[in-house]
N, C-alpha and C. Protein backbone atom coordinates (compact mmCIF):
# COMPACT_ATOMS: atom_id res chain seq x y z
N MET A 1 41.96 198.58 145.28
CA MET A 1 42.32 200.65 145.50
C MET A 1 40.93 200.65 146.36
N SER A 2 41.02 201.29 147.15
CA SER A 2 39.57 201.72 148.35
C SER A 2 38.89 202.36 148.02
N LYS A 3 37.33 202.54 148.29
CA LYS A 3 36.32 203.30 147.95
C LYS A 3 36.21 203.93 148.71
N SER A 4 35.66 205.43 148.47
CA SER A 4 34.92 206.36 149.17
C SER A 4 33.58 206.53 148.96
N VAL A 5 32.68 206.43 150.08
CA VAL A 5 31.33 206.69 150.04
C VAL A 5 31.03 208.15 150.18
N PHE A 6 29.90 208.57 149.39
CA PHE A 6 29.05 209.66 150.14
C PHE A 6 27.69 208.97 150.32
N LEU A 7 27.08 209.50 151.27
CA LEU A 7 26.21 208.48 152.13
C LEU A 7 24.49 209.89 151.86
N CYS A 8 23.91 210.06 151.35
CA CYS A 8 22.02 211.09 151.37
C CYS A 8 21.47 210.22 151.98
N VAL A 9 20.79 211.03 152.80
CA VAL A 9 19.78 210.59 153.43
C VAL A 9 18.31 211.51 153.69
N ASP A 10 17.40 211.13 153.62
CA ASP A 10 16.44 212.10 153.47
C ASP A 10 15.07 211.30 153.28
N ASP A 11 14.10 211.71 153.93
CA ASP A 11 12.13 210.66 153.36
C ASP A 11 12.03 211.34 152.52
N GLU A 12 12.95 212.19 151.51
CA GLU A 12 11.84 212.71 150.37
C GLU A 12 13.13 212.18 148.65
N SER A 13 12.20 211.49 148.08
CA SER A 13 13.32 210.87 147.05
C SER A 13 14.07 212.09 146.38
N SER A 14 12.99 213.11 145.92
CA SER A 14 13.35 214.16 145.17
C SER A 14 14.72 214.67 145.74
N ILE A 15 14.32 214.85 147.18
CA ILE A 15 15.65 215.79 147.71
C ILE A 15 16.93 214.66 147.19
N LEU A 16 16.46 213.24 147.70
CA LEU A 16 17.79 212.22 147.81
C LEU A 16 18.46 212.75 145.91
N GLU A 17 17.77 212.53 144.91
CA GLU A 17 17.90 212.89 144.09
C GLU A 17 18.74 214.13 143.15
N ALA A 18 18.37 215.14 144.10
CA ALA A 18 18.73 216.49 143.87
C ALA A 18 20.28 216.35 144.72
N LEU A 19 20.83 215.88 145.37
CA LEU A 19 22.25 215.98 146.40
C LEU A 19 22.45 214.74 145.64
N LYS A 20 22.30 213.56 145.46
CA LYS A 20 23.11 213.06 144.17
C LYS A 20 23.72 213.58 143.12
N GLU A 21 22.57 213.79 142.15
CA GLU A 21 22.82 215.00 141.15
C GLU A 21 24.04 215.68 141.23
N GLN A 22 23.63 216.66 142.02
CA GLN A 22 24.80 217.78 143.23
C GLN A 22 26.22 217.23 142.97
N LEU A 23 26.00 216.17 143.91
CA LEU A 23 27.49 216.38 144.63
C LEU A 23 28.48 215.15 143.12
N ARG A 24 27.73 214.09 142.00
CA ARG A 24 28.12 213.63 141.34
C ARG A 24 28.56 214.64 140.32
N SER A 25 28.11 215.65 140.22
CA SER A 25 28.65 216.70 138.54
C SER A 25 29.86 217.81 139.56
N ALA A 26 29.78 217.59 140.99
CA ALA A 26 30.74 218.55 141.38
C ALA A 26 31.95 217.18 141.76
N PHE A 27 31.86 216.30 142.11
CA PHE A 27 33.33 215.06 142.36
C PHE A 27 33.15 213.98 141.72
N GLY A 28 32.56 213.63 140.16
CA GLY A 28 32.67 212.75 139.16
C GLY A 28 32.44 211.83 139.75
N LEU A 29 33.06 210.58 139.04
CA LEU A 29 33.92 209.19 139.62
C LEU A 29 34.64 209.16 140.80
N SER A 30 34.82 210.02 141.05
CA SER A 30 36.04 209.65 142.41
C SER A 30 35.21 209.32 143.22
N TYR A 31 33.87 209.26 143.78
CA TYR A 31 33.08 208.84 144.93
C TYR A 31 32.51 208.18 144.78
N ILE A 32 31.89 206.83 145.32
CA ILE A 32 30.44 205.93 145.33
C ILE A 32 29.30 207.01 145.86
N TYR A 33 28.11 207.09 145.46
CA TYR A 33 27.28 208.13 145.83
C TYR A 33 25.45 206.86 146.44
N GLU A 34 25.63 207.10 147.46
CA GLU A 34 24.80 206.51 147.86
C GLU A 34 23.53 206.88 148.88
N THR A 35 22.16 206.80 149.11
CA THR A 35 21.04 207.30 149.49
C THR A 35 20.56 206.03 150.23
N ALA A 36 19.75 206.79 151.58
CA ALA A 36 18.87 206.32 152.26
C ALA A 36 17.88 207.05 152.83
N GLU A 37 16.68 206.23 152.84
CA GLU A 37 15.42 206.80 153.09
C GLU A 37 15.20 207.37 154.40
N SER A 38 15.78 206.80 155.45
CA SER A 38 15.98 206.95 156.81
C SER A 38 16.89 206.72 157.15
N ALA A 39 17.28 206.36 158.57
CA ALA A 39 18.34 206.52 159.61
C ALA A 39 18.77 205.18 159.63
N GLU A 40 17.46 204.57 160.00
CA GLU A 40 17.66 203.16 160.32
C GLU A 40 18.45 202.33 159.08
N GLU A 41 17.94 202.29 157.16
CA GLU A 41 18.49 202.61 156.36
C GLU A 41 19.82 202.80 155.90
N ALA A 42 20.17 204.25 156.62
CA ALA A 42 21.38 204.95 156.54
C ALA A 42 22.46 203.79 157.10
N ILE A 43 21.85 203.38 158.60
CA ILE A 43 23.11 202.29 159.33
C ILE A 43 23.15 201.25 158.97
N GLU A 44 22.17 200.53 157.61
CA GLU A 44 22.40 199.11 157.57
C GLU A 44 23.60 199.75 156.26
N ILE A 45 23.43 200.59 155.27
CA ILE A 45 24.24 200.99 154.40
C ILE A 45 25.91 201.21 155.21
N ILE A 46 25.65 202.30 156.25
CA ILE A 46 26.92 202.24 156.84
C ILE A 46 27.48 201.25 157.18
N ASP A 47 27.15 200.01 157.86
CA ASP A 47 27.90 198.83 158.63
C ASP A 47 28.04 198.09 157.51
N GLU A 48 27.25 197.90 156.19
CA GLU A 48 27.76 197.17 154.78
C GLU A 48 28.97 197.98 154.68
N TYR A 49 29.09 199.19 154.43
CA TYR A 49 30.11 199.59 153.53
C TYR A 49 31.43 199.97 154.90
N GLU A 50 31.35 199.90 155.52
CA GLU A 50 32.68 200.56 156.75
C GLU A 50 33.87 198.94 157.00
N ARG A 51 34.58 198.90 155.47
CA ARG A 51 35.94 197.50 155.76
C ARG A 51 36.82 198.53 155.11
N PRO A 52 37.73 197.69 155.68
CA PRO A 52 39.49 198.31 155.22
C PRO A 52 39.58 198.81 153.41
N ASP A 53 38.95 198.20 152.57
CA ASP A 53 38.77 198.74 151.34
C ASP A 53 37.53 200.12 150.84
N GLU A 54 36.73 200.13 151.95
CA GLU A 54 35.53 200.96 151.21
C GLU A 54 35.03 201.76 152.96
N THR A 55 34.89 202.94 152.59
CA THR A 55 34.42 203.43 153.93
C THR A 55 33.75 205.15 153.58
N ILE A 56 32.58 204.79 154.68
CA ILE A 56 31.98 206.35 154.19
C ILE A 56 32.68 207.49 154.93
N VAL A 57 32.81 208.31 153.80
CA VAL A 57 33.58 209.47 154.08
C VAL A 57 32.84 210.86 154.49
N ILE A 58 31.84 211.12 154.22
CA ILE A 58 30.41 212.36 154.19
C ILE A 58 29.46 211.66 154.31
N ILE A 59 28.59 212.02 155.45
CA ILE A 59 26.96 211.72 155.21
C ILE A 59 26.51 212.86 155.04
N VAL A 60 25.36 213.27 154.68
CA VAL A 60 24.53 214.36 154.31
C VAL A 60 22.94 213.85 154.46
N SER A 61 22.57 214.36 155.66
CA SER A 61 21.45 214.03 156.76
C SER A 61 20.34 214.98 156.49
N ASP A 62 19.08 214.62 156.03
CA ASP A 62 18.11 215.73 156.68
C ASP A 62 17.83 215.66 158.13
N TRP A 63 17.11 216.33 158.72
CA TRP A 63 17.23 215.93 160.41
C TRP A 63 15.79 215.77 160.75
N LEU A 64 15.01 216.12 159.80
CA LEU A 64 13.29 215.74 160.18
C LEU A 64 12.96 214.37 159.35
N MET A 65 13.02 213.47 159.61
CA MET A 65 12.52 212.35 159.15
C MET A 65 12.17 211.20 160.55
N PRO A 66 11.25 210.39 159.75
CA PRO A 66 9.76 209.46 160.75
C PRO A 66 11.42 208.60 161.37
N GLY A 67 10.48 208.26 162.07
CA GLY A 67 12.21 207.35 163.39
C GLY A 67 12.47 207.82 163.84
N MET A 68 13.80 207.99 163.68
CA MET A 68 14.85 208.79 163.95
C MET A 68 15.12 210.22 163.45
N LYS A 69 15.64 210.75 164.44
CA LYS A 69 15.50 212.55 163.95
C LYS A 69 16.99 212.39 163.44
N GLY A 70 17.44 213.52 162.58
CA GLY A 70 18.28 213.47 162.53
C GLY A 70 20.05 213.70 163.65
N ASP A 71 19.68 214.62 164.76
CA ASP A 71 20.10 214.70 165.59
C ASP A 71 21.06 213.07 166.41
N GLU A 72 19.99 212.95 166.73
CA GLU A 72 19.74 211.04 166.93
C GLU A 72 20.70 210.03 166.22
N PHE A 73 20.41 209.84 164.94
CA PHE A 73 21.28 209.65 163.92
C PHE A 73 22.50 209.92 164.11
N PHE A 74 23.51 211.35 164.07
CA PHE A 74 24.86 211.31 164.28
C PHE A 74 24.89 211.12 165.59
N ILE A 75 24.61 211.08 166.60
CA ILE A 75 25.28 210.67 167.64
C ILE A 75 25.19 209.61 167.63
N LYS A 76 24.13 208.36 167.04
CA LYS A 76 24.38 206.82 167.07
C LYS A 76 25.60 206.61 166.40
N ILE A 77 25.53 206.99 164.92
CA ILE A 77 26.25 207.20 164.20
C ILE A 77 28.01 207.20 164.36
N ASN A 78 28.02 208.63 165.37
CA ASN A 78 29.48 209.05 166.11
C ASN A 78 30.15 207.82 167.16
N ASN A 79 29.36 207.37 167.88
CA ASN A 79 29.50 206.47 168.85
C ASN A 79 30.72 205.45 167.93
N THR A 80 29.84 204.85 167.02
CA THR A 80 30.24 203.66 166.43
C THR A 80 31.96 204.04 165.34
N TYR A 81 31.33 205.05 164.52
CA TYR A 81 32.04 205.64 163.35
C TYR A 81 32.53 207.31 163.49
N PRO A 82 33.29 207.49 164.74
CA PRO A 82 33.69 209.18 164.62
C PRO A 82 34.47 209.73 163.67
N LYS A 83 34.99 208.68 162.54
CA LYS A 83 35.71 209.68 161.88
C LYS A 83 34.85 210.13 160.69
N ILE A 84 34.07 209.48 160.72
CA ILE A 84 32.55 209.93 159.14
C ILE A 84 32.66 211.20 159.72
N LYS A 85 32.42 212.11 158.33
CA LYS A 85 32.32 213.69 158.61
C LYS A 85 30.71 213.52 158.29
N LYS A 86 29.95 214.77 158.82
CA LYS A 86 28.56 215.10 159.02
C LYS A 86 27.90 216.17 158.73
N ILE A 87 27.12 216.27 157.58
CA ILE A 87 26.68 217.37 157.56
C ILE A 87 24.84 217.24 157.70
N LEU A 88 24.34 218.28 158.29
CA LEU A 88 22.85 218.15 158.52
C LEU A 88 22.03 219.33 157.90
N LEU A 89 21.00 218.66 157.30
CA LEU A 89 20.03 219.82 156.64
C LEU A 89 19.25 219.48 157.19
N THR A 90 18.46 220.96 157.11
CA THR A 90 17.15 221.24 158.31
C THR A 90 16.48 222.14 157.89
N GLY A 91 15.43 222.24 157.74
CA GLY A 91 14.58 223.49 157.65
C GLY A 91 13.90 223.65 158.91
N GLN A 92 13.67 222.32 159.99
CA GLN A 92 12.91 222.57 161.25
C GLN A 92 13.42 222.03 162.08
N ALA A 93 14.47 222.25 162.01
CA ALA A 93 15.30 221.49 163.52
C ALA A 93 15.00 223.36 164.74
N ASP A 94 14.93 222.67 165.76
CA ASP A 94 15.36 223.50 167.09
C ASP A 94 16.46 223.68 167.06
N PRO A 95 16.76 225.16 168.09
CA PRO A 95 18.18 225.22 168.13
C PRO A 95 18.50 223.91 169.00
N GLU A 96 18.15 223.68 170.47
CA GLU A 96 18.31 222.24 171.17
C GLU A 96 19.11 221.15 170.24
N SER A 97 18.12 220.59 169.35
CA SER A 97 18.26 219.50 168.04
C SER A 97 19.55 220.17 167.41
N ILE A 98 20.05 221.19 167.22
CA ILE A 98 21.18 221.89 166.16
C ILE A 98 22.46 221.65 167.04
N ASP A 99 22.25 222.28 168.75
CA ASP A 99 23.37 221.65 169.35
C ASP A 99 24.22 220.47 169.43
N ARG A 100 22.74 219.68 169.82
CA ARG A 100 22.90 218.42 170.11
C ARG A 100 23.62 217.74 168.92
N ALA A 101 23.10 217.60 167.46
CA ALA A 101 23.90 217.19 166.16
C ALA A 101 25.06 217.63 166.46
N LYS A 102 25.77 219.01 166.87
CA LYS A 102 27.04 219.40 166.64
C LYS A 102 27.95 219.00 167.45
N ASN A 103 27.51 218.98 169.13
CA ASN A 103 28.38 218.67 170.05
C ASN A 103 28.10 217.50 170.55
N ILE A 104 27.29 216.63 170.26
CA ILE A 104 27.71 215.09 170.88
C ILE A 104 27.56 214.75 169.15
N GLY A 105 26.78 214.59 168.66
CA GLY A 105 26.93 214.06 167.21
C GLY A 105 27.89 214.46 166.61
N LYS A 106 28.75 215.37 167.18
CA LYS A 106 29.69 215.98 165.83
C LYS A 106 29.32 215.97 163.97
N ALA A 107 28.16 216.62 164.15
CA ALA A 107 28.27 217.28 162.72
C ALA A 107 28.98 218.55 162.75
N GLN A 108 29.73 218.53 161.44
CA GLN A 108 30.58 219.69 161.32
C GLN A 108 30.19 220.85 160.66
N VAL A 109 29.05 220.52 160.11
CA VAL A 109 28.35 221.49 159.18
C VAL A 109 26.53 221.27 159.52
N VAL A 110 26.10 222.08 159.69
CA VAL A 110 24.46 222.50 159.69
C VAL A 110 24.52 223.27 157.96
N LEU A 111 23.35 223.53 157.55
CA LEU A 111 22.64 224.20 156.17
C LEU A 111 21.53 223.66 156.50
N ALA A 112 21.03 224.82 156.11
CA ALA A 112 19.48 225.51 156.37
C ALA A 112 19.16 225.30 154.68
N LYS A 113 17.62 224.16 154.97
CA LYS A 113 17.07 224.04 153.65
C LYS A 113 16.00 224.81 153.29
N PRO A 114 16.20 225.53 151.86
CA PRO A 114 16.80 224.68 150.53
C PRO A 114 18.44 225.14 150.71
N TRP A 115 19.50 224.36 150.73
CA TRP A 115 20.58 225.05 150.59
C TRP A 115 21.10 225.12 149.05
N THR A 116 21.83 225.96 148.77
CA THR A 116 22.40 226.02 147.24
C THR A 116 23.42 225.15 147.62
N GLN A 117 23.95 224.92 145.88
CA GLN A 117 24.84 223.46 145.27
C GLN A 117 26.29 223.98 145.64
N ASP A 118 26.61 225.53 145.75
CA ASP A 118 28.06 225.60 146.20
C ASP A 118 28.57 225.84 147.11
N ILE A 119 27.38 226.22 148.30
CA ILE A 119 27.44 226.02 150.11
C ILE A 119 27.73 224.92 150.24
N LEU A 120 27.01 223.71 149.67
CA LEU A 120 27.07 222.52 150.49
C LEU A 120 28.24 221.74 149.41
N ILE A 121 28.75 222.13 148.40
CA ILE A 121 30.07 221.55 147.63
C ILE A 121 31.42 222.21 148.18
N GLN A 122 31.17 223.66 148.84
CA GLN A 122 32.30 223.75 149.63
C GLN A 122 33.07 223.56 151.22
N SER A 123 31.19 223.21 151.45
CA SER A 123 31.65 222.52 152.54
C SER A 123 32.06 221.47 153.15
N ILE A 124 31.36 220.54 151.89
CA ILE A 124 32.15 219.15 151.87
C ILE A 124 34.10 218.87 151.38
N GLN A 125 34.00 220.48 150.60
CA GLN A 125 35.53 220.33 149.74
C GLN A 125 36.52 220.79 151.35
N GLY A 126 35.85 221.05 152.23
CA GLY A 126 36.44 221.88 153.92
C GLY A 126 36.49 220.04 154.43
N LEU A 127 35.60 219.50 154.37
CA LEU A 127 35.82 218.26 155.26
C LEU A 127 36.45 217.89 154.61
N LEU A 128 36.35 217.50 153.48
CA LEU A 128 37.33 216.25 152.55
C LEU A 128 38.95 217.02 152.94
N ALA A 129 39.05 218.05 153.09
CA ALA A 129 40.39 219.02 153.34
C ALA A 129 41.27 218.85 154.65
N SER A 130 40.49 218.86 155.59
CA SER A 130 40.56 218.58 156.92
C SER A 130 41.14 217.41 157.66
């Protein structure tokens, strides 16, 4: 049986815990929930999970992180794993970065911080249905 994974990426552990809790309360045991505190760590997790029996289906990532920003991360991921659905969370991204995340990185959803659980879950449900 294949396992589907949700990956949350943010350099603030409190935000990662909040995301994980919101996703788990909405989707239960149907998915595996992974977290990463940087884009580099997230790439390692993605490479580890991308096998025939396990796959990352959704990435929810912050934009402002040390090292690699969210738009750069999505562009890099999209080149290797174009099927992964992507949601960008941001409180500070400039319009050019958001455009890059959407147009080149193929982020399907951009949500402002602080997000609401309802909007996040609805966005994910929409992506899973598409």
